[in-house]
PDB file of N, CA and C in Angstrom:
ATOM      1  N   MET A   1      40.379  69.392-137.502  1.00  0.00           N
ATOM      2  CA  MET A   1      41.524  68.767-136.832  1.00  0.00           C
ATOM      3  C   MET A   1      41.156  67.443-136.198  1.00  0.00           C
ATOM      4  N   LEU A   2      42.072  66.501-136.170  1.00  0.00           N
ATOM      5  CA  LEU A   2      41.825  65.231-135.541  1.00  0.00           C
ATOM      6  C   LEU A   2      41.968  65.364-134.009  1.00  0.00           C
ATOM      7  N   ASP A   3      41.232  64.619-133.273  1.00  0.00           N
ATOM      8  CA  ASP A   3      41.367  64.598-131.848  1.00  0.00           C
ATOM      9  C   ASP A   3      42.504  63.625-131.514  1.00  0.00           C
ATOM     10  N   GLN A   4      43.663  64.117-131.232  1.00  0.00           N
ATOM     11  CA  GLN A   4      44.843  63.283-130.988  1.00  0.00           C
ATOM     12  C   GLN A   4      44.678  62.481-129.718  1.00  0.00           C
ATOM     13  N   GLY A   5      43.763  62.749-128.883  1.00  0.00           N
ATOM     14  CA  GLY A   5      43.500  61.955-127.691  1.00  0.00           C
ATOM     15  C   GLY A   5      42.875  60.612-127.992  1.00  0.00           C
ATOM     16  N   LEU A   6      42.305  60.505-129.181  1.00  0.00           N
ATOM     17  CA  LEU A   6      41.571  59.244-129.530  1.00  0.00           C
ATOM     18  C   LEU A   6      42.419  58.275-130.284  1.00  0.00           C
ATOM     19  N   ILE A   7      43.555  58.767-130.802  1.00  0.00           N
ATOM     20  CA  ILE A   7      44.474  57.888-131.562  1.00  0.00           C
ATOM     21  C   ILE A   7      45.871  57.938-131.065  1.00  0.00           C
ATOM     22  N   SER A   8      46.619  56.947-131.306  1.00  0.00           N
ATOM     23  CA  SER A   8      48.024  56.937-130.810  1.00  0.00           C
ATOM     24  C   SER A   8      48.922  57.751-131.770  1.00  0.00           C
ATOM     25  N   GLU A   9      50.122  58.030-131.312  1.00  0.00           N
ATOM     26  CA  GLU A   9      51.074  58.798-132.131  1.00  0.00           C
ATOM     27  C   GLU A   9      51.349  58.107-133.432  1.00  0.00           C
ATOM     28  N   ALA A  10      51.501  56.775-133.429  1.00  0.00           N
ATOM     29  CA  ALA A  10      51.786  56.013-134.635  1.00  0.00           C
ATOM     30  C   ALA A  10      50.647  56.084-135.641  1.00  0.00           C
ATOM     31  N   GLU A  11      49.394  55.991-135.148  1.00  0.00           N
ATOM     32  CA  GLU A  11      48.284  56.079-136.014  1.00  0.00           C
ATOM     33  C   GLU A  11      48.152  57.446-136.683  1.00  0.00           C
ATOM     34  N   TYR A  12      48.349  58.464-135.874  1.00  0.00           N
ATOM     35  CA  TYR A  12      48.290  59.817-136.354  1.00  0.00           C
ATOM     36  C   TYR A  12      49.399  60.043-137.424  1.00  0.00           C
ATOM     37  N   ASP A  13      50.584  59.515-137.137  1.00  0.00           N
ATOM     38  CA  ASP A  13      51.668  59.661-138.100  1.00  0.00           C
ATOM     39  C   ASP A  13      51.336  58.942-139.407  1.00  0.00           C
ATOM     40  N   GLY A  14      50.742  57.764-139.297  1.00  0.00           N
ATOM     41  CA  GLY A  14      50.358  57.039-140.490  1.00  0.00           C
ATOM     42  C   GLY A  14      49.271  57.747-141.357  1.00  0.00           C
ATOM     43  N   LEU A  15      48.330  58.342-140.607  1.00  0.00           N
ATOM     44  CA  LEU A  15      47.327  59.155-141.311  1.00  0.00           C
ATOM     45  C   LEU A  15      47.898  60.344-142.015  1.00  0.00           C
ATOM     46  N   LYS A  16      48.820  61.015-141.331  1.00  0.00           N
ATOM     47  CA  LYS A  16      49.479  62.184-141.996  1.00  0.00           C
ATOM     48  C   LYS A  16      50.205  61.762-143.247  1.00  0.00           C
ATOM     49  N   ALA A  17      50.898  60.613-143.195  1.00  0.00           N
ATOM     50  CA  ALA A  17      51.654  60.088-144.310  1.00  0.00           C
ATOM     51  C   ALA A  17      50.684  59.782-145.491  1.00  0.00           C
ATOM     52  N   LYS A  18      49.523  59.194-145.172  1.00  0.00           N
ATOM     53  CA  LYS A  18      48.593  58.871-146.209  1.00  0.00           C
ATOM     54  C   LYS A  18      48.036  60.138-146.854  1.00  0.00           C
ATOM     55  N   ILE A  19      47.710  61.152-146.046  1.00  0.00           N
ATOM     56  CA  ILE A  19      47.177  62.425-146.553  1.00  0.00           C
ATOM     57  C   ILE A  19      48.226  63.083-147.437  1.00  0.00           C
ATOM     58  N   ILE A  20      49.439  63.122-146.964  1.00  0.00           N
ATOM     59  CA  ILE A  20      50.496  63.760-147.791  1.00  0.00           C
ATOM     60  C   ILE A  20      50.709  63.010-149.078  1.00  0.00           C
ATOM     61  N   ALA A  21      50.668  61.677-149.026  1.00  0.00           N
ATOM     62  CA  ALA A  21      50.912  60.885-150.230  1.00  0.00           C
ATOM     63  C   ALA A  21      49.738  61.018-151.238  1.00  0.00           C
ATOM     64  N   SER A  22      48.571  61.337-150.721  1.00  0.00           N
ATOM     65  CA  SER A  22      47.388  61.405-151.617  1.00  0.00           C
ATOM     66  C   SER A  22      47.324  62.813-152.329  1.00  0.00           C
ATOM     67  N   MET A  23      48.144  63.748-151.914  1.00  0.00           N
ATOM     68  CA  MET A  23      48.074  65.056-152.532  1.00  0.00           C
ATOM     69  C   MET A  23      48.841  65.089-153.843  1.00  0.00           C
TER      70      MET A  23
END
């Protein structure tokens, strides 16, 4: 799991989108 305290909501959302897109 990512530590959401280290990244902003937008960055986390972007990472999720990249992960989903790469599947």
